[in-house]
């Protein structure tokens, strides 16, 4: 049963056919353009969503870690940085081999 859940997370939840995957481009766009989307609540929510999406799939996490750590380095809003720090802790537990190469950037 646990393996089934892991397989669903890795292959189905963010594959483009599910409702959840419809939000991925929007969240990534907001996170990539903090100057364009400057509302603090929107930025904090998008950051939190990105962290949660990264927790779902190894592939998604691996392809978005650069954005994640760039935001951590350059974010001006403390709420965004706080969400990123919390998410990094969660990611370090879930995907330690993916996060480990990025630890010098912390």
Protein backbone atom coordinates (compact mmCIF):
# COMPACT_ATOMS: atom_id res chain seq x y z
CA UNK A 1 0.00 0.00 0.00
CA UNK A 2 2.82 2.39 0.84
CA UNK A 3 4.51 1.65 -2.46
CA UNK A 4 1.26 2.41 -4.31
CA UNK A 5 1.03 5.83 -2.65
CA UNK A 6 4.68 6.54 -3.47
CA UNK A 7 4.09 5.57 -7.11
CA UNK A 8 1.01 7.79 -7.36
CA UNK A 9 2.95 10.73 -5.91
CA UNK A 10 5.89 10.24 -8.25
CA UNK A 11 4.02 9.57 -11.47
CA UNK A 12 0.45 10.82 -11.35
CA UNK A 13 -0.19 13.84 -9.11
CA UNK A 14 1.82 16.34 -11.15
CA UNK A 15 1.66 14.67 -14.56
CA UNK A 16 -0.49 17.26 -16.34
CA UNK A 17 -3.72 15.27 -16.27
CA UNK A 18 -4.64 15.98 -12.65
CA UNK A 19 -6.23 19.13 -11.23
CA UNK A 20 -3.26 19.75 -8.94
CA UNK A 21 -0.88 19.97 -11.89
CA UNK A 22 -2.90 22.83 -13.39
CA UNK A 23 -1.56 25.11 -10.65
CA UNK A 24 2.12 24.30 -11.17
CA UNK A 25 2.79 26.78 -14.03
CA UNK A 26 1.06 29.58 -12.11
CA UNK A 27 3.00 28.93 -8.91
CA UNK A 28 6.31 28.70 -10.77
CA UNK A 29 5.57 31.91 -12.70
CA UNK A 30 4.79 33.82 -9.50
CA UNK A 31 7.94 32.50 -7.83
CA UNK A 32 10.08 33.34 -10.88
CA UNK A 33 8.80 36.93 -11.11
CA UNK A 34 8.74 38.51 -7.64
CA UNK A 35 8.86 42.02 -9.10
CA UNK A 36 5.80 41.42 -11.26
CA UNK A 37 3.83 39.73 -8.46
CA UNK A 38 4.74 41.89 -5.50
CA UNK A 39 1.78 41.23 -3.19
CA UNK A 40 3.26 39.79 0.04
CA UNK A 41 0.41 37.35 0.66
CA UNK A 42 0.54 36.05 -2.92
CA UNK A 43 4.32 35.63 -2.78
CA UNK A 44 4.15 33.79 0.55
CA UNK A 45 1.36 31.50 -0.69
CA UNK A 46 3.19 30.72 -3.94
CA UNK A 47 6.37 29.93 -2.02
CA UNK A 48 4.49 27.63 0.31
CA UNK A 49 2.81 25.92 -2.65
CA UNK A 50 6.16 25.44 -4.40
CA UNK A 51 7.54 23.79 -1.28
CA UNK A 52 4.55 21.48 -1.06
CA UNK A 53 4.80 20.57 -4.76
CA UNK A 54 8.47 19.75 -4.22
CA UNK A 55 7.48 17.39 -1.41
CA UNK A 56 5.30 15.36 -3.78
CA UNK A 57 7.72 14.24 -6.46
CA UNK A 58 11.45 13.63 -6.74
CA UNK A 59 11.42 14.74 -10.37
CA UNK A 60 9.57 17.98 -9.63
CA UNK A 61 11.79 18.71 -6.66
CA UNK A 62 14.97 18.11 -8.62
CA UNK A 63 13.88 20.37 -11.47
CA UNK A 64 12.87 23.24 -9.16
CA UNK A 65 15.59 23.24 -6.49
CA UNK A 66 17.57 25.91 -8.33
CA UNK A 67 14.54 28.24 -8.23
CA UNK A 68 13.97 27.31 -4.60
CA UNK A 69 17.47 28.21 -3.45
CA UNK A 70 17.64 31.31 -5.65
CA UNK A 71 14.48 32.56 -4.00
CA UNK A 72 15.93 31.77 -0.59
CA UNK A 73 18.98 33.87 -1.39
CA UNK A 74 17.23 36.83 -3.04
CA UNK A 75 13.78 37.09 -1.42
CA UNK A 76 13.16 40.42 0.25
CA UNK A 77 10.04 39.38 2.17
CA UNK A 78 10.64 37.68 5.51
CA UNK A 79 7.47 35.60 5.12
CA UNK A 80 8.80 34.17 1.85
CA UNK A 81 12.18 33.37 3.40
CA UNK A 82 10.50 31.78 6.43
CA UNK A 83 8.36 29.54 4.21
CA UNK A 84 11.44 28.51 2.24
CA UNK A 85 13.44 27.67 5.37
CA UNK A 86 10.62 25.51 6.72
CA UNK A 87 10.22 23.78 3.36
CA UNK A 88 13.98 23.11 3.09
CA UNK A 89 13.83 21.29 6.41
CA UNK A 90 10.97 19.15 5.15
CA UNK A 91 12.74 18.49 1.84
CA UNK A 92 15.96 17.52 3.64
CA UNK A 93 14.02 14.77 5.41
CA UNK A 94 12.04 13.62 2.35
CA UNK A 95 14.76 13.89 -0.33
CA UNK A 96 18.15 14.16 1.45
CA UNK A 97 20.18 13.17 -1.62
CA UNK A 98 18.61 15.95 -3.71
CA UNK A 99 19.04 18.67 -1.09
CA UNK A 100 22.57 17.74 0.04
CA UNK A 101 24.40 19.33 -2.94
CA UNK A 102 22.58 22.60 -2.20
CA UNK A 103 23.51 22.80 1.50
CA UNK A 104 26.47 25.17 0.90
CA UNK A 105 23.89 27.72 -0.29
CA UNK A 106 22.14 27.79 3.09
